[in-house]
Each structure stands twice: as C-alpha cells, then as structure tokens.
C-alpha atoms as a PDB file:
ATOM      1  CA  MET A   1       0.000   0.000   0.000  1.00  0.00           C
ATOM      2  CA  THR A   2       1.329   3.445  -0.959  1.00  0.00           C
ATOM      3  CA  LYS A   3       1.978   5.635   2.062  1.00  0.00           C
ATOM      4  CA  LEU A   4       1.581   9.371   1.613  1.00  0.00           C
ATOM      5  CA  VAL A   5       1.405  12.683   3.405  1.00  0.00           C
ATOM      6  CA  PHE A   6      -1.315  15.056   2.251  1.00  0.00           C
ATOM      7  CA  MET A   7      -0.957  18.848   2.449  1.00  0.00           C
ATOM      8  CA  GLY A   8      -3.908  21.197   1.922  1.00  0.00           C
ATOM      9  CA  THR A   9      -5.945  23.884   3.642  1.00  0.00           C
ATOM     10  CA  PRO A  10      -9.273  25.155   2.162  1.00  0.00           C
ATOM     11  CA  ALA A  11     -12.512  23.382   1.276  1.00  0.00           C
ATOM     12  CA  PHE A  12     -11.094  22.778  -2.223  1.00  0.00           C
ATOM     13  CA  SER A  13      -8.685  20.238  -0.719  1.00  0.00           C
ATOM     14  CA  VAL A  14     -11.229  18.226   1.277  1.00  0.00           C
ATOM     15  CA  PRO A  15     -12.750  15.996  -1.465  1.00  0.00           C
ATOM     16  CA  ILE A  16      -9.213  15.237  -2.682  1.00  0.00           C
ATOM     17  CA  LEU A  17      -8.132  14.064   0.768  1.00  0.00           C
ATOM     18  CA  GLU A  18     -11.320  12.050   1.246  1.00  0.00           C
ATOM     19  CA  GLY A  19     -10.921  10.500  -2.201  1.00  0.00           C
ATOM     20  CA  LEU A  20      -7.415   9.301  -1.400  1.00  0.00           C
ATOM     21  CA  VAL A  21      -8.578   7.648   1.815  1.00  0.00           C
ATOM     22  CA  GLU A  22     -11.591   6.038   0.110  1.00  0.00           C
ATOM     23  CA  ALA A  23      -9.317   4.728  -2.655  1.00  0.00           C
ATOM     24  CA  GLY A  24      -7.214   2.873  -0.097  1.00  0.00           C
ATOM     25  CA  TYR A  25      -4.094   5.006   0.069  1.00  0.00           C
ATOM     26  CA  GLU A  26      -2.534   5.133   3.521  1.00  0.00           C
ATOM     27  CA  VAL A  27      -2.453   8.758   4.615  1.00  0.00           C
ATOM     28  CA  LEU A  28       0.215   8.924   7.327  1.00  0.00           C
ATOM     29  CA  ALA A  29      -0.491  12.561   8.216  1.00  0.00           C
ATOM     30  CA  VAL A  30      -2.267  15.669   6.997  1.00  0.00           C
ATOM     31  CA  VAL A  31      -0.453  19.004   6.990  1.00  0.00           C
ATOM     32  CA  THR A  32      -2.496  22.200   6.968  1.00  0.00           C
ATOM     33  CA  GLN A  33      -2.314  25.837   8.027  1.00  0.00           C
ATOM     34  CA  PRO A  34      -2.791  26.862  11.680  1.00  0.00           C
ATOM     35  CA  ASP A  35      -6.238  27.750  13.014  1.00  0.00           C
ATOM     36  CA  ARG A  36      -7.015  31.402  12.195  1.00  0.00           C
ATOM     37  CA  PRO A  37      -9.422  34.113  13.402  1.00  0.00           C
ATOM     38  CA  VAL A  38     -12.440  34.304  11.095  1.00  0.00           C
ATOM     39  CA  GLY A  39     -15.286  36.802  10.730  1.00  0.00           C
ATOM     40  CA  ARG A  40     -16.085  40.039  12.528  1.00  0.00           C
ATOM     41  CA  LYS A  41     -15.793  38.372  15.911  1.00  0.00           C
ATOM     42  CA  LYS A  42     -12.395  36.898  14.963  1.00  0.00           C
ATOM     43  CA  THR A  43     -13.408  33.449  16.129  1.00  0.00           C
ATOM     44  CA  ILE A  44     -10.474  31.043  16.009  1.00  0.00           C
ATOM     45  CA  THR A  45     -11.451  28.530  13.336  1.00  0.00           C
ATOM     46  CA  PRO A  46      -9.711  25.381  12.067  1.00  0.00           C
ATOM     47  CA  PRO A  47      -9.153  25.077   8.296  1.00  0.00           C
ATOM     48  CA  PRO A  48     -11.579  22.757   6.481  1.00  0.00           C
ATOM     49  CA  VAL A  49      -8.866  20.169   5.851  1.00  0.00           C
ATOM     50  CA  LYS A  50      -8.161  19.864   9.576  1.00  0.00           C
ATOM     51  CA  VAL A  51     -11.827  19.230  10.276  1.00  0.00           C
ATOM     52  CA  ALA A  52     -11.958  16.562   7.563  1.00  0.00           C
ATOM     53  CA  ALA A  53      -8.698  14.937   8.680  1.00  0.00           C
ATOM     54  CA  GLU A  54      -9.818  14.688  12.300  1.00  0.00           C
ATOM     55  CA  ALA A  55     -13.113  13.149  11.192  1.00  0.00           C
ATOM     56  CA  LEU A  56     -11.072  10.522   9.342  1.00  0.00           C
ATOM     57  CA  GLY A  57      -8.917   9.878  12.407  1.00  0.00           C
ATOM     58  CA  LEU A  58      -5.732  11.144  10.769  1.00  0.00           C
ATOM     59  CA  GLU A  59      -2.745  12.828  12.397  1.00  0.00           C
ATOM     60  CA  VAL A  60      -2.809  16.593  11.784  1.00  0.00           C
ATOM     61  CA  LEU A  61       0.254  18.844  11.611  1.00  0.00           C
ATOM     62  CA  GLN A  62      -0.146  22.657  11.531  1.00  0.00           C
ATOM     63  CA  PRO A  63       3.162  24.459  11.075  1.00  0.00           C
ATOM     64  CA  GLU A  64       3.143  28.249  10.961  1.00  0.00           C
ATOM     65  CA  LYS A  65       5.992  27.817   8.491  1.00  0.00           C
ATOM     66  CA  ILE A  66       6.921  24.368   7.219  1.00  0.00           C
ATOM     67  CA  SER A  67      10.603  25.049   6.537  1.00  0.00           C
ATOM     68  CA  GLY A  68      12.777  24.035   9.491  1.00  0.00           C
ATOM     69  CA  SER A  69       9.777  23.197  11.673  1.00  0.00           C
ATOM     70  CA  LYS A  70       9.244  20.269  14.001  1.00  0.00           C
ATOM     71  CA  GLU A  71       6.335  19.328  11.752  1.00  0.00           C
ATOM     72  CA  MET A  72       8.713  18.964   8.816  1.00  0.00           C
ATOM     73  CA  GLU A  73      10.922  16.700  10.902  1.00  0.00           C
ATOM     74  CA  ARG A  74       7.837  14.626  11.686  1.00  0.00           C
ATOM     75  CA  ILE A  75       7.130  14.215   7.957  1.00  0.00           C
ATOM     76  CA  ILE A  76      10.722  13.113   7.368  1.00  0.00           C
ATOM     77  CA  GLU A  77      10.378  10.643  10.242  1.00  0.00           C
ATOM     78  CA  LEU A  78       7.207   9.183   8.686  1.00  0.00           C
ATOM     79  CA  ALA A  79       9.128   8.535   5.435  1.00  0.00           C
ATOM     80  CA  PRO A  80       6.153   8.696   3.041  1.00  0.00           C
ATOM     81  CA  ASP A  81       6.339   7.223  -0.463  1.00  0.00           C
ATOM     82  CA  LEU A  82       4.700  10.361  -1.869  1.00  0.00           C
ATOM     83  CA  LEU A  83       3.762  13.907  -0.917  1.00  0.00           C
ATOM     84  CA  ILE A  84       0.518  15.288  -2.353  1.00  0.00           C
ATOM     85  CA  THR A  85      -0.415  18.960  -2.043  1.00  0.00           C
ATOM     86  CA  ALA A  86      -3.653  20.710  -2.986  1.00  0.00           C
ATOM     87  CA  ALA A  87      -3.912  24.414  -2.106  1.00  0.00           C
ATOM     88  CA  PHE A  88      -1.643  24.058   0.926  1.00  0.00           C
ATOM     89  CA  GLY A  89      -0.558  27.699   0.871  1.00  0.00           C
ATOM     90  CA  GLN A  90       3.163  27.414   1.627  1.00  0.00           C
ATOM     91  CA  PHE A  91       6.315  26.706  -0.363  1.00  0.00           C
ATOM     92  CA  LEU A  92       7.943  23.355   0.399  1.00  0.00           C
ATOM     93  CA  PRO A  93      11.705  23.344   1.052  1.00  0.00           C
ATOM     94  CA  GLU A  94      13.988  21.279  -1.168  1.00  0.00           C
ATOM     95  CA  LYS A  95      14.899  19.042   1.767  1.00  0.00           C
ATOM     96  CA  LEU A  96      11.272  17.980   2.099  1.00  0.00           C
ATOM     97  CA  LEU A  97      10.737  17.482  -1.627  1.00  0.00           C
ATOM     98  CA  GLN A  98      13.584  14.972  -1.690  1.00  0.00           C
ATOM     99  CA  VAL A  99      12.152  12.724   1.046  1.00  0.00           C
ATOM    100  CA  PRO A 100       9.543  10.593  -0.818  1.00  0.00           C
ATOM    101  CA  GLN A 101      10.767   7.986  -3.317  1.00  0.00           C
ATOM    102  CA  PHE A 102       8.016   9.008  -5.755  1.00  0.00           C
ATOM    103  CA  GLY A 103       8.561  12.712  -5.127  1.00  0.00           C
ATOM    104  CA  ALA A 104       5.901  15.332  -4.540  1.00  0.00           C
ATOM    105  CA  ILE A 105       2.936  16.217  -6.744  1.00  0.00           C
ATOM    106  CA  ASN A 106       0.470  19.068  -6.669  1.00  0.00           C
ATOM    107  CA  VAL A 107      -3.187  19.363  -7.683  1.00  0.00           C
ATOM    108  CA  HIS A 108      -3.279  22.852  -9.210  1.00  0.00           C
ATOM    109  CA  ALA A 109      -6.530  24.552 -10.222  1.00  0.00           C
ATOM    110  CA  SER A 110      -5.521  25.812 -13.657  1.00  0.00           C
ATOM    111  CA  LEU A 111      -4.335  24.582 -17.037  1.00  0.00           C
ATOM    112  CA  LEU A 112      -0.640  25.162 -16.482  1.00  0.00           C
ATOM    113  CA  PRO A 113       1.485  26.925 -17.601  1.00  0.00           C
ATOM    114  CA  LYS A 114      -1.417  29.398 -17.453  1.00  0.00           C
ATOM    115  CA  TYR A 115      -2.055  30.948 -14.042  1.00  0.00           C
ATOM    116  CA  ARG A 116       0.781  29.863 -11.833  1.00  0.00           C
ATOM    117  CA  GLY A 117       0.283  31.184  -8.308  1.00  0.00           C
ATOM    118  CA  GLY A 118      -2.243  31.389  -5.518  1.00  0.00           C
ATOM    119  CA  ALA A 119      -5.427  32.662  -7.229  1.00  0.00           C
ATOM    120  CA  PRO A 120      -5.810  30.813 -10.548  1.00  0.00           C
ATOM    121  CA  VAL A 121      -9.588  30.422 -10.335  1.00  0.00           C
ATOM    122  CA  HIS A 122     -10.120  34.116  -9.593  1.00  0.00           C
ATOM    123  CA  TYR A 123      -8.065  35.213 -12.598  1.00  0.00           C
ATOM    124  CA  ALA A 124      -9.641  32.727 -15.003  1.00  0.00           C
ATOM    125  CA  ILE A 125     -13.087  34.149 -14.248  1.00  0.00           C
ATOM    126  CA  MET A 126     -11.995  37.803 -14.002  1.00  0.00           C
ATOM    127  CA  ASN A 127     -10.281  37.588 -17.393  1.00  0.00           C
ATOM    128  CA  GLY A 128     -13.393  36.188 -19.026  1.00  0.00           C
ATOM    129  CA  ASP A 129     -11.858  32.805 -19.898  1.00  0.00           C
ATOM    130  CA  GLN A 130     -14.239  30.268 -21.433  1.00  0.00           C
ATOM    131  CA  GLU A 131     -12.609  27.329 -19.639  1.00  0.00           C
ATOM    132  CA  THR A 132     -10.161  26.371 -16.948  1.00  0.00           C
ATOM    133  CA  GLY A 133      -9.159  23.051 -15.437  1.00  0.00           C
ATOM    134  CA  VAL A 134      -6.863  21.080 -13.174  1.00  0.00           C
ATOM    135  CA  THR A 135      -3.228  20.055 -13.560  1.00  0.00           C
ATOM    136  CA  ILE A 136      -1.431  17.232 -11.764  1.00  0.00           C
ATOM    137  CA  MET A 137       2.184  18.335 -11.701  1.00  0.00           C
ATOM    138  CA  GLU A 138       5.559  17.548 -10.230  1.00  0.00           C
ATOM    139  CA  MET A 139       6.555  19.852  -7.405  1.00  0.00           C
ATOM    140  CA  ILE A 140       9.920  21.561  -7.685  1.00  0.00           C
ATOM    141  CA  LYS A 141      11.439  24.499  -5.842  1.00  0.00           C
ATOM    142  CA  LYS A 142      10.132  27.024  -8.394  1.00  0.00           C
ATOM    143  CA  MET A 143       6.451  27.909  -7.940  1.00  0.00           C
ATOM    144  CA  ASP A 144       4.091  25.751 -10.042  1.00  0.00           C
ATOM    145  CA  ALA A 145       6.849  25.185 -12.602  1.00  0.00           C
ATOM    146  CA  GLY A 146       7.231  21.403 -12.467  1.00  0.00           C
ATOM    147  CA  GLY A 147       6.492  18.941 -15.228  1.00  0.00           C
ATOM    148  CA  ILE A 148       2.870  18.095 -16.049  1.00  0.00           C
ATOM    149  CA  TYR A 149       1.587  14.553 -15.512  1.00  0.00           C
ATOM    150  CA  SER A 150      -2.037  15.084 -16.526  1.00  0.00           C
ATOM    151  CA  GLN A 151      -4.708  17.728 -17.097  1.00  0.00           C
ATOM    152  CA  ALA A 152      -8.492  17.930 -17.289  1.00  0.00           C
ATOM    153  CA  ARG A 153     -10.602  20.808 -18.639  1.00  0.00           C
ATOM    154  CA  LEU A 154     -13.830  22.387 -17.436  1.00  0.00           C
ATOM    155  CA  PRO A 155     -15.998  25.134 -19.018  1.00  0.00           C
ATOM    156  CA  ILE A 156     -16.730  28.366 -17.151  1.00  0.00           C
ATOM    157  CA  THR A 157     -20.361  29.408 -17.556  1.00  0.00           C
ATOM    158  CA  GLN A 158     -21.841  32.881 -17.218  1.00  0.00           C
ATOM    159  CA  LYS A 159     -23.379  31.817 -13.894  1.00  0.00           C
ATOM    160  CA  ASP A 160     -20.145  30.513 -12.375  1.00  0.00           C
ATOM    161  CA  ASP A 161     -18.212  32.313  -9.691  1.00  0.00           C
ATOM    162  CA  VAL A 162     -15.164  31.402  -7.606  1.00  0.00           C
ATOM    163  CA  GLY A 163     -17.313  29.411  -5.201  1.00  0.00           C
ATOM    164  CA  THR A 164     -18.999  27.230  -7.829  1.00  0.00           C
ATOM    165  CA  MET A 165     -15.767  26.710  -9.769  1.00  0.00           C
ATOM    166  CA  PHE A 166     -13.852  25.690  -6.650  1.00  0.00           C
ATOM    167  CA  GLU A 167     -16.492  23.035  -5.967  1.00  0.00           C
ATOM    168  CA  LYS A 168     -16.356  21.731  -9.539  1.00  0.00           C
ATOM    169  CA  LEU A 169     -12.564  21.842  -9.794  1.00  0.00           C
ATOM    170  CA  SER A 170     -12.137  20.121  -6.447  1.00  0.00           C
ATOM    171  CA  LEU A 171     -14.107  17.098  -7.678  1.00  0.00           C
ATOM    172  CA  LEU A 172     -12.374  17.211 -11.055  1.00  0.00           C
ATOM    173  CA  GLY A 173      -8.995  17.338  -9.297  1.00  0.00           C
ATOM    174  CA  ARG A 174      -9.908  14.406  -7.069  1.00  0.00           C
ATOM    175  CA  ASP A 175     -10.948  12.263 -10.028  1.00  0.00           C
ATOM    176  CA  LEU A 176      -7.940  13.233 -12.132  1.00  0.00           C
ATOM    177  CA  LEU A 177      -5.538  12.528  -9.275  1.00  0.00           C
ATOM    178  CA  LEU A 178      -7.019   9.082  -8.653  1.00  0.00           C
ATOM    179  CA  GLU A 179      -6.775   8.311 -12.384  1.00  0.00           C
ATOM    180  CA  THR A 180      -3.176   9.531 -12.539  1.00  0.00           C
ATOM    181  CA  LEU A 181      -1.679   7.963  -9.417  1.00  0.00           C
ATOM    182  CA  PRO A 182      -1.629   4.290 -10.497  1.00  0.00           C
ATOM    183  CA  GLN A 183       0.300   5.092 -13.678  1.00  0.00           C
ATOM    184  CA  LEU A 184       2.648   7.460 -11.856  1.00  0.00           C
ATOM    185  CA  LEU A 185       3.430   4.932  -9.116  1.00  0.00           C
ATOM    186  CA  ALA A 186       3.980   2.206 -11.710  1.00  0.00           C
ATOM    187  CA  GLY A 187       6.509   4.390 -13.531  1.00  0.00           C
ATOM    188  CA  GLU A 188       4.344   4.407 -16.650  1.00  0.00           C
ATOM    189  CA  LEU A 189       3.766   8.153 -16.830  1.00  0.00           C
ATOM    190  CA  GLU A 190       6.110  10.675 -18.414  1.00  0.00           C
ATOM    191  CA  LYS A 191       5.897  14.273 -17.268  1.00  0.00           C
ATOM    192  CA  GLU A 192       5.748  16.987 -19.897  1.00  0.00           C
ATOM    193  CA  PRO A 193       7.816  20.151 -19.362  1.00  0.00           C
ATOM    194  CA  GLN A 194       5.883  23.403 -19.234  1.00  0.00           C
ATOM    195  CA  ASP A 195       6.334  25.840 -22.088  1.00  0.00           C
ATOM    196  CA  GLU A 196       7.910  28.863 -20.394  1.00  0.00           C
ATOM    197  CA  ALA A 197       6.805  31.086 -23.274  1.00  0.00           C
ATOM    198  CA  GLU A 198       3.174  30.415 -22.312  1.00  0.00           C
ATOM    199  CA  VAL A 199       3.515  31.130 -18.577  1.00  0.00           C
ATOM    200  CA  THR A 200       1.122  33.572 -16.902  1.00  0.00           C
ATOM    201  CA  PHE A 201       0.716  34.283 -13.194  1.00  0.00           C
ATOM    202  CA  SER A 202      -2.162  34.638 -10.740  1.00  0.00           C
ATOM    203  CA  PRO A 203      -0.817  36.307  -7.595  1.00  0.00           C
ATOM    204  CA  ASN A 204      -3.088  36.803  -4.596  1.00  0.00           C
ATOM    205  CA  ILE A 205      -5.740  39.478  -5.127  1.00  0.00           C
ATOM    206  CA  THR A 206      -4.798  42.934  -3.837  1.00  0.00           C
ATOM    207  CA  ARG A 207      -7.129  45.494  -2.302  1.00  0.00           C
ATOM    208  CA  GLU A 208      -6.657  47.697  -5.359  1.00  0.00           C
ATOM    209  CA  GLN A 209      -7.865  44.916  -7.661  1.00  0.00           C
ATOM    210  CA  GLU A 210     -11.106  44.626  -5.713  1.00  0.00           C
ATOM    211  CA  ALA A 211     -12.176  48.143  -6.770  1.00  0.00           C
ATOM    212  CA  VAL A 212     -14.361  48.249  -9.894  1.00  0.00           C
ATOM    213  CA  ASP A 213     -12.962  50.243 -12.787  1.00  0.00           C
ATOM    214  CA  TRP A 214     -16.065  51.530 -14.532  1.00  0.00           C
ATOM    215  CA  THR A 215     -14.108  52.323 -17.708  1.00  0.00           C
ATOM    216  CA  LYS A 216     -14.042  48.581 -18.392  1.00  0.00           C
ATOM    217  CA  SER A 217     -16.893  46.984 -20.320  1.00  0.00           C
ATOM    218  CA  ALA A 218     -19.984  45.706 -18.523  1.00  0.00           C
ATOM    219  CA  HIS A 219     -18.934  42.171 -19.463  1.00  0.00           C
ATOM    220  CA  LEU A 220     -15.522  42.496 -17.812  1.00  0.00           C
ATOM    221  CA  ILE A 221     -16.991  44.130 -14.707  1.00  0.00           C
ATOM    222  CA  ASP A 222     -19.441  41.239 -14.421  1.00  0.00           C
ATOM    223  CA  CYS A 223     -16.465  38.871 -14.752  1.00  0.00           C
ATOM    224  CA  GLN A 224     -14.682  40.780 -11.977  1.00  0.00           C
ATOM    225  CA  ILE A 225     -17.701  40.550  -9.661  1.00  0.00           C
ATOM    226  CA  ARG A 226     -18.078  36.806 -10.260  1.00  0.00           C
ATOM    227  CA  GLY A 227     -14.294  36.369 -10.078  1.00  0.00           C
ATOM    228  CA  MET A 228     -14.281  37.794  -6.555  1.00  0.00           C
ATOM    229  CA  ARG A 229     -17.401  36.072  -5.225  1.00  0.00           C
ATOM    230  CA  PRO A 230     -17.734  34.793  -2.507  1.00  0.00           C
ATOM    231  CA  TRP A 231     -14.337  36.263  -1.632  1.00  0.00           C
ATOM    232  CA  PRO A 232     -12.820  38.821  -1.483  1.00  0.00           C
ATOM    233  CA  ILE A 233     -15.820  40.686  -3.102  1.00  0.00           C
ATOM    234  CA  ALA A 234     -15.511  43.513  -5.627  1.00  0.00           C
ATOM    235  CA  PHE A 235     -16.567  46.964  -4.515  1.00  0.00           C
ATOM    236  CA  THR A 236     -17.308  50.468  -5.692  1.00  0.00           C
ATOM    237  CA  THR A 237     -17.986  53.668  -3.777  1.00  0.00           C
ATOM    238  CA  TYR A 238     -20.923  56.051  -3.611  1.00  0.00           C
ATOM    239  CA  GLN A 239     -20.411  59.445  -1.967  1.00  0.00           C
ATOM    240  CA  GLY A 240     -17.404  58.036  -0.147  1.00  0.00           C
ATOM    241  CA  ALA A 241     -19.228  54.975   1.199  1.00  0.00           C
ATOM    242  CA  ARG A 242     -18.303  51.499   0.014  1.00  0.00           C
ATOM    243  CA  TRP A 243     -20.711  49.191  -1.767  1.00  0.00           C
ATOM    244  CA  LYS A 244     -19.714  45.547  -2.050  1.00  0.00           C
ATOM    245  CA  LEU A 245     -21.047  44.195  -5.335  1.00  0.00           C
ATOM    246  CA  TRP A 246     -22.378  40.623  -5.152  1.00  0.00           C
ATOM    247  CA  GLY A 247     -24.180  40.344  -8.452  1.00  0.00           C
ATOM    248  CA  ALA A 248     -24.758  42.201 -11.706  1.00  0.00           C
ATOM    249  CA  THR A 249     -25.959  41.623 -15.267  1.00  0.00           C
ATOM    250  CA  PRO A 250     -24.544  43.137 -18.476  1.00  0.00           C
ATOM    251  CA  LEU A 251     -27.387  44.564 -20.537  1.00  0.00           C
ATOM    252  CA  ALA A 252     -27.953  44.910 -24.287  1.00  0.00           C
ATOM    253  CA  GLU A 253     -28.539  48.637 -23.715  1.00  0.00           C
ATOM    254  CA  THR A 254     -25.970  51.219 -24.795  1.00  0.00           C
ATOM    255  CA  THR A 255     -25.217  54.687 -23.444  1.00  0.00           C
ATOM    256  CA  GLU A 256     -23.158  57.776 -24.109  1.00  0.00           C
ATOM    257  CA  ALA A 257     -22.892  58.602 -20.395  1.00  0.00           C
ATOM    258  CA  ALA A 258     -19.492  58.690 -18.700  1.00  0.00           C
ATOM    259  CA  PRO A 259     -18.425  55.382 -17.124  1.00  0.00           C
ATOM    260  CA  GLY A 260     -19.643  55.061 -13.536  1.00  0.00           C
ATOM    261  CA  THR A 261     -22.728  57.226 -14.092  1.00  0.00           C
ATOM    262  CA  ILE A 262     -26.069  55.963 -12.787  1.00  0.00           C
ATOM    263  CA  ILE A 263     -28.247  56.168 -15.896  1.00  0.00           C
ATOM    264  CA  HIS A 264     -31.494  54.526 -14.772  1.00  0.00           C
ATOM    265  CA  LYS A 265     -33.284  53.865 -11.498  1.00  0.00           C
ATOM    266  CA  GLY A 266     -36.537  51.946 -11.131  1.00  0.00           C
ATOM    267  CA  LYS A 267     -38.288  50.081  -8.340  1.00  0.00           C
ATOM    268  CA  LYS A 268     -36.162  47.018  -9.055  1.00  0.00           C
ATOM    269  CA  GLU A 269     -33.458  48.441 -11.322  1.00  0.00           C
ATOM    270  CA  LEU A 270     -30.217  50.349 -11.013  1.00  0.00           C
ATOM    271  CA  TRP A 271     -28.207  50.691 -14.212  1.00  0.00           C
ATOM    272  CA  VAL A 272     -24.662  52.033 -14.448  1.00  0.00           C
ATOM    273  CA  ALA A 273     -22.740  53.221 -17.514  1.00  0.00           C
ATOM    274  CA  CYS A 274     -19.550  51.283 -18.206  1.00  0.00           C
ATOM    275  CA  GLY A 275     -16.735  51.497 -20.731  1.00  0.00           C
ATOM    276  CA  GLU A 276     -17.304  51.163 -24.483  1.00  0.00           C
ATOM    277  CA  GLY A 277     -20.849  52.510 -24.067  1.00  0.00           C
ATOM    278  CA  THR A 278     -22.023  49.357 -22.275  1.00  0.00           C
ATOM    279  CA  VAL A 279     -24.459  49.155 -19.370  1.00  0.00           C
ATOM    280  CA  LEU A 280     -24.477  47.037 -16.214  1.00  0.00           C
ATOM    281  CA  ALA A 281     -27.494  46.351 -13.997  1.00  0.00           C
ATOM    282  CA  ILE A 282     -26.580  45.969 -10.330  1.00  0.00           C
ATOM    283  CA  GLU A 283     -28.583  43.021  -8.969  1.00  0.00           C
ATOM    284  CA  GLU A 284     -27.213  42.443  -5.466  1.00  0.00           C
ATOM    285  CA  LEU A 285     -24.991  44.526  -3.198  1.00  0.00           C
ATOM    286  CA  GLN A 286     -23.974  45.200   0.363  1.00  0.00           C
ATOM    287  CA  PRO A 287     -23.839  48.861   1.465  1.00  0.00           C
ATOM    288  CA  ALA A 288     -21.385  49.824   4.178  1.00  0.00           C
ATOM    289  CA  GLY A 289     -22.585  48.652   7.585  1.00  0.00           C
ATOM    290  CA  LYS A 290     -25.500  46.691   6.118  1.00  0.00           C
ATOM    291  CA  GLY A 291     -26.199  43.122   5.086  1.00  0.00           C
ATOM    292  CA  ARG A 292     -26.189  41.637   1.618  1.00  0.00           C
ATOM    293  CA  GLN A 293     -29.435  42.514  -0.208  1.00  0.00           C
ATOM    294  CA  ASN A 294     -31.073  42.381  -3.616  1.00  0.00           C
ATOM    295  CA  ILE A 295     -31.487  45.594  -5.547  1.00  0.00           C
ATOM    296  CA  GLN A 296     -35.174  46.009  -4.714  1.00  0.00           C
ATOM    297  CA  ALA A 297     -34.531  45.805  -0.972  1.00  0.00           C
ATOM    298  CA  PHE A 298     -31.622  48.224  -1.361  1.00  0.00           C
ATOM    299  CA  LEU A 299     -33.663  50.795  -3.303  1.00  0.00           C
ATOM    300  CA  ASN A 300     -36.496  50.530  -0.782  1.00  0.00           C
ATOM    301  CA  GLY A 301     -34.024  51.171   2.039  1.00  0.00           C
ATOM    302  CA  VAL A 302     -30.733  53.044   2.162  1.00  0.00           C
ATOM    303  CA  GLY A 303     -30.638  53.307  -1.638  1.00  0.00           C
ATOM    304  CA  HIS A 304     -33.740  55.467  -1.929  1.00  0.00           C
ATOM    305  CA  GLN A 305     -31.576  58.604  -2.023  1.00  0.00           C
ATOM    306  CA  VAL A 306     -29.542  57.442  -5.017  1.00  0.00           C
ATOM    307  CA  THR A 307     -30.352  59.525  -8.098  1.00  0.00           C
ATOM    308  CA  VAL A 308     -29.772  59.274 -11.824  1.00  0.00           C
ATOM    309  CA  GLY A 309     -26.725  61.253 -12.933  1.00  0.00           C
ATOM    310  CA  GLU A 310     -24.625  60.524  -9.850  1.00  0.00           C
ATOM    311  CA  LYS A 311     -21.328  58.707 -10.328  1.00  0.00           C
ATOM    312  CA  LEU A 312     -19.864  55.648  -8.705  1.00  0.00           C
ATOM    313  CA  GLY A 313     -16.228  54.758  -8.226  1.00  0.00           C
ATOM    314  CA  VAL A 314     -13.272  55.658  -6.051  1.00  0.00           C
ATOM    315  CA  ALA A 315     -11.886  58.029  -8.651  1.00  0.00           C
ATOM    316  CA  ASN A 316     -15.040  60.118  -8.531  1.00  0.00           C
ATOM    317  CA  ASP A 317     -15.328  60.616  -4.757  1.00  0.00           C
END
C-alpha cells in the first residue's frame, strides 16, 4: 500500500483528501495551516482540511511555516512514499521534496502553464476565460513550474463564480488525481515540461484589484464581480461609502454617459454606464454597515436617495 502525506488547507482540498482515503491510500499525516481568526468576531477557526482529517482519524500537523519546523521533521520521520499537495498555501523546502521515493505532486486549479500562483480560479473568471481546469504536476522548488503529468478541462459558464468553480474543480482534481496515481506509481507516466513562453501568473488578489474600474466593459466588470465572489468581493464607492457588489448583469442597452454614471433607477433596477458605451445592472450589493441585499430591498431602504446622474467609483469621490 502506498503511504503518503497530504498537504492542503481550504474546502477545495477536502474531497481530494477524502478521495485518497476512500481509494485505499494510507495517509500517514495531513499538513495544513494553523487555526485562524475568522469573521467580525475573529473566532479562532480550524481550516476545512483539519476538520476533515480529524473526522477521518488522521494525524494533523499545523506548522506556521513548514521550513525548518518540528512538523517537517515529523514528515521526514514518517518517510512517506509520496507527498501530495492541494492548495496548501506554503512553499515546500527542497529538503522535504527529496524525502519521498516518488517525489511530490500538486493538484493545481488551472491549465498550467497558465495561471501559476495562488489565485488561478479568480483570474480565469476575471479575465473572461471560457474554460479552466486542473493540472497534476511535479513539485519543484520554483512555484508551479514542475512537469505536467495530466490535465483535465472544465468550461466556465456565465453563472459561475469562484465558489462554484472551486467546488467543480475540487471534484475534477480528485478524479484526475485518482486516475493519474496508479500510472505514476507504476513508472508508466512521463511528465511533460511546461512551455515557459506560455507562462502567466495569478498572484493573490490585492485590495486595489477589488475596486471596480467603470471604464471597463460591462462584461468584464461582471467577470470581476463573479471572479471575486464569494471572496474577497468587488466593490465600488458612492459618496465616499463602500458598496460591495455581489451580483450584476450586463445589458444589451448602450449609453453615451461617462463610465460610472447611474443612468437609470426603477423600483427594481439600477443601471450604471460602463466602458465602451455598455451598461451594467446591479442586482445584489452590500452597502457599508448593512447586510447583503437584492437591488429592490436596497432601493427601498438606504438606496432610496440614489439619483440618476450621480457617479460611482473611487476616482469620482
């Protein structure tokens, strides 16, 4: 029986861990990030992988930093045949990568060499890509640069956001990994080098990227909103107050109004001018200090004072 150590942190990683256990692989330990404060009350919360690992009766290791830690020494002591990572969130030192006889592999949520880095799903949606996928790859010291063992593709629909795509890609990654492992362990699988000329990156989302740029088309702003939902959430401003934007729809309407201008307000409608003469209907938002609400509830409440002709956006406040 192949013995492995699994390393992952968010909900994306959970079906992959569970799939390995169900398939009969011996998981010696699970490595995940430390418990963190979550929410407004900063409640200390374990990562989803820890919860899943404990339910499976597995040993859990939570290093603040894996390199040089006692947890890394524990992994070396366990002498696994293979290391498998899936959204672990830390770089692995060379010393650790050299421990398993079959090396270390990663389940990465993009079609490498596109979108190396920590936010591949966000960027795929924000950039309006028609598809994304999962790559099973060799782990080396350079970030997401190892050889590719296998890939699987998945379309991105107009209704998808980061949350739905993470759920789909997690299951796709689980299935692809379980298909790939037998061939890899039998030495029957050749890895394919990544084409460095095709490399793009997906670094973690910055606060500046969360702000809507109304000079972009309605389509791209919709992609941004979906590409940041359910986290970290795109926003705009109105009279200095922040609106988090949870949902919007690009319309067939056109306008000559300046981008960011509110061009129509109805009982259930709030339309905003965007770049290239396009128009976006805001469907769901969260005003500062309030809960998430649909546009009708917003316009019946704090949004009643909003008027046509006013402008949205940080640059206009």
